[in-house]
Protein backbone atom coordinates (compact mmCIF):
# COMPACT_ATOMS: atom_id res chain seq x y z
CA MET A 1 -49.66 -98.18 56.39
CA VAL A 2 -50.30 -94.49 55.86
CA ASN A 3 -48.86 -92.91 52.75
CA ALA A 4 -46.49 -90.24 54.07
CA GLN A 5 -45.40 -88.90 50.68
CA PRO A 6 -47.96 -86.03 50.50
CA TYR A 7 -46.86 -84.86 53.95
CA ILE A 8 -43.19 -85.01 53.00
CA ASP A 9 -43.89 -83.10 49.78
CA THR A 10 -45.72 -80.40 51.73
CA ILE A 11 -42.87 -80.04 54.21
CA VAL A 12 -40.21 -79.92 51.48
CA ASN A 13 -42.21 -77.31 49.53
CA ALA A 14 -42.62 -75.20 52.66
CA LEU A 15 -38.86 -75.37 53.29
CA PHE A 16 -38.13 -74.26 49.72
CA GLU A 17 -40.56 -71.37 50.11
CA LEU A 18 -38.90 -70.36 53.37
CA VAL A 19 -35.45 -70.43 51.76
CA ALA A 20 -36.75 -68.34 48.85
CA ILE A 21 -38.21 -65.76 51.26
CA VAL A 22 -34.90 -65.53 53.14
CA ILE A 23 -32.95 -65.10 49.87
CA ILE A 24 -35.32 -62.40 48.62
CA GLY A 25 -35.02 -60.59 51.95
CA ALA A 26 -31.23 -60.77 51.81
CA ILE A 27 -31.23 -59.38 48.27
CA ASN A 28 -33.40 -56.48 49.37
CA VAL A 29 -31.08 -55.72 52.29
CA ILE A 30 -28.07 -55.76 49.95
CA LYS A 31 -29.91 -53.52 47.48
CA VAL A 32 -30.73 -50.96 50.19
CA LYS A 33 -27.12 -50.94 51.39
CA ALA A 34 -25.78 -50.65 47.84
CA ARG A 35 -28.14 -47.75 47.10
CA ALA A 36 -27.07 -45.94 50.30
CA TYR A 37 -23.40 -46.48 49.47
CA TYR A 38 -24.00 -45.29 45.92
CA LYS A 39 -25.69 -42.09 47.09
CA ALA A 40 -23.00 -41.41 49.68
CA LYS A 41 -20.09 -41.89 47.28
CA THR A 42 -21.33 -40.03 44.20
CA THR A 43 -22.20 -36.48 43.32
CA THR A 44 -25.46 -35.45 41.66
CA GLU A 45 -23.62 -35.05 38.36
CA ASP A 46 -22.12 -38.55 38.68
CA ARG A 47 -25.55 -40.01 39.48
CA ASP A 48 -27.06 -38.30 36.44
CA LYS A 49 -24.27 -39.74 34.30
CA LEU A 50 -24.77 -43.19 35.81
CA HIS A 51 -28.54 -43.05 35.27
CA LYS A 52 -28.07 -42.09 31.63
CA ILE A 53 -25.57 -44.88 31.04
CA GLY A 54 -27.82 -47.35 32.88
CA ALA A 55 -30.79 -46.41 30.69
CA GLU A 56 -28.59 -46.58 27.59
CA ALA A 57 -27.30 -50.03 28.60
CA PHE A 58 -30.84 -51.29 29.17
CA ALA A 59 -32.03 -49.96 25.79
CA TRP A 60 -28.94 -51.36 24.07
CA ALA A 61 -29.43 -54.84 25.55
CA GLU A 62 -33.16 -54.80 24.71
CA THR A 63 -32.38 -53.87 21.10
CA ILE A 64 -29.32 -56.00 20.38
CA TYR A 65 -30.20 -59.08 22.43
CA LYS A 66 -33.92 -59.44 21.69
CA THR A 67 -33.70 -63.23 21.73
CA TYR A 68 -31.85 -63.41 25.06
CA LYS A 69 -33.83 -63.87 28.24
CA GLY A 70 -33.41 -62.70 31.83
CA ASP A 71 -29.95 -63.11 33.30
CA ARG A 72 -28.15 -63.31 29.96
CA LYS A 73 -29.62 -59.99 28.77
CA LEU A 74 -28.96 -58.41 32.16
CA SER A 75 -25.36 -59.61 32.03
CA GLU A 76 -24.88 -58.00 28.62
CA ALA A 77 -26.35 -54.72 29.92
CA TYR A 78 -23.99 -54.85 32.93
CA THR A 79 -21.02 -55.43 30.65
CA TYR A 80 -22.04 -52.52 28.42
CA ALA A 81 -22.54 -50.18 31.39
CA SER A 82 -19.26 -51.26 33.01
CA ASP A 83 -17.35 -50.65 29.79
CA LYS A 84 -18.90 -47.21 29.28
CA LEU A 85 -18.24 -46.23 32.91
CA ALA A 86 -14.66 -47.53 32.74
CA ALA A 87 -14.10 -45.33 29.68
CA LEU A 88 -15.15 -42.39 31.87
CA GLY A 89 -12.78 -43.52 34.64
CA ILE A 90 -15.59 -44.77 36.89
CA SER A 91 -15.22 -48.24 38.39
CA VAL A 92 -18.38 -49.82 39.81
CA THR A 93 -19.53 -53.27 40.86
CA GLY A 94 -22.56 -55.18 39.61
CA ASP A 95 -24.44 -54.33 42.82
CA GLU A 96 -23.70 -50.64 42.34
CA ILE A 97 -24.93 -50.80 38.75
CA ARG A 98 -28.10 -52.56 39.92
CA ALA A 99 -28.62 -49.77 42.48
CA ILE A 100 -28.61 -47.24 39.65
CA HIS A 101 -31.96 -48.42 38.34
């Protein structure tokens, strides 16, 4: 009897790669749409303010949460940026914050 396990592994890996490619493509489409929405709904002054707060949030998270990795550090930066923007009366979503950078 032929050992089919290597063939099954290859097929499963190919399926996972295909799913990953589709997810990455979907994220890029969402990012493009969020960036277009962001540019359409904000003034130049607002965008400058958002860029400054985004850079500040990134630097803050890098400094305060040195031991955190990836998503956790990004989440802290989002929270910081959202709080700062809310204090200025600006309400944005996570996707809109991601479009800032």
